[in-house]
Protein backbone atom coordinates (compact mmCIF):
# COMPACT_ATOMS: atom_id res chain seq x y z
CA MET A 1 -13.31 12.81 9.19
CA LYS A 2 -14.42 13.62 5.67
CA GLN A 3 -17.74 13.65 3.85
CA VAL A 4 -17.67 11.12 0.99
CA GLY A 5 -19.93 9.56 -1.63
CA LYS A 6 -23.25 10.65 -3.06
CA LEU A 7 -24.83 10.80 0.39
CA GLN A 8 -21.89 12.77 1.81
CA SER A 9 -21.61 10.40 4.78
CA TRP A 10 -18.90 11.15 7.32
CA LYS A 11 -16.05 8.60 7.21
CA CYS A 12 -12.63 8.41 8.82
CA ILE A 13 -10.24 8.64 5.85
CA THR A 14 -6.64 7.66 6.57
CA PRO A 15 -3.89 8.74 4.12
CA TYR A 16 -1.22 6.21 3.14
CA LYS A 17 2.49 7.11 3.27
CA ASP A 18 3.27 5.44 -0.07
CA ALA A 19 0.45 7.16 -1.99
CA GLY A 20 1.18 7.47 -5.70
CA LYS A 21 4.20 5.13 -5.69
CA ALA A 22 4.41 3.00 -8.85
CA CYS A 23 3.45 -0.63 -8.24
CA THR A 24 2.64 -3.90 -9.96
CA ASP A 25 0.97 -5.63 -6.97
CA SER A 26 -0.91 -4.61 -3.82
CA SER A 27 1.75 -6.33 -1.70
CA GLN A 28 3.97 -3.33 -2.56
CA CYS A 29 1.51 -0.85 -1.00
CA GLU A 30 -0.05 -0.02 2.36
CA GLY A 31 -3.43 -0.17 0.61
CA GLU A 32 -4.16 -1.47 -2.88
CA CYS A 33 -2.23 -1.07 -6.12
CA ARG A 34 -4.75 0.65 -8.41
CA THR A 35 -5.04 1.94 -11.95
CA SER A 36 -7.62 3.94 -13.88
CA VAL A 37 -7.14 1.55 -16.83
CA THR A 38 -10.05 -0.90 -16.96
CA THR A 39 -9.12 -2.91 -20.07
CA SER A 40 -5.81 -4.43 -21.10
CA SER A 41 -4.55 -6.87 -23.70
CA GLU A 42 -4.24 -10.33 -22.21
CA ASN A 43 -0.84 -10.99 -20.62
CA ARG A 44 0.28 -7.39 -21.16
CA PRO A 45 1.97 -6.03 -18.01
CA VAL A 46 0.08 -3.34 -16.11
CA THR A 47 1.58 -0.76 -13.75
CA GLY A 48 -0.52 1.10 -11.21
CA ALA A 49 -0.04 3.44 -8.27
CA CYS A 50 -0.51 2.86 -4.55
CA GLN A 51 -3.85 4.28 -3.47
CA ALA A 52 -3.80 7.62 -1.67
CA ASP A 53 -5.99 6.67 1.30
CA ASN A 54 -8.48 4.11 2.58
CA GLY A 55 -11.38 5.81 0.79
CA ARG A 56 -13.39 3.46 -1.44
CA PHE A 57 -15.24 5.98 -3.60
CA GLY A 58 -14.60 6.51 -7.32
CA CYS A 59 -13.69 4.18 -10.19
CA SER A 60 -10.52 2.10 -10.39
CA ALA A 61 -9.12 -1.36 -11.01
CA THR A 62 -6.64 -3.27 -8.90
CA VAL A 63 -3.28 -4.44 -10.21
CA GLU A 64 -2.17 -7.89 -9.02
CA LYS A 65 1.07 -9.58 -10.08
CA GLY A 66 1.42 -7.10 -12.96
CA GLN A 67 -2.02 -7.93 -14.36
CA LEU A 68 -5.29 -6.03 -14.34
CA GLY A 69 -7.49 -7.20 -11.46
CA ARG A 70 -11.07 -6.39 -10.54
CA ALA A 71 -12.54 -3.06 -11.61
CA MET A 72 -15.34 -1.24 -9.83
CA CYS A 73 -17.02 2.10 -9.26
CA VAL A 74 -18.37 3.13 -5.86
CA ASP A 75 -20.55 6.20 -5.44
């Protein structure tokens, strides 16, 4: 259990074994393939890293099939 977000709510945060591994698609990760990059030239390949845990807080974008996916920030 860990306190997360602006309200410091208690959540069960589970670490992923492949955290930080380079990826180009979420299918290569236990969780999502993410990047801190939120803009990219069209059709330019993007590489991310497997997310560290199942926590949803912070800002990131997904990487799907080597392309930048949805970006969001969660407080």
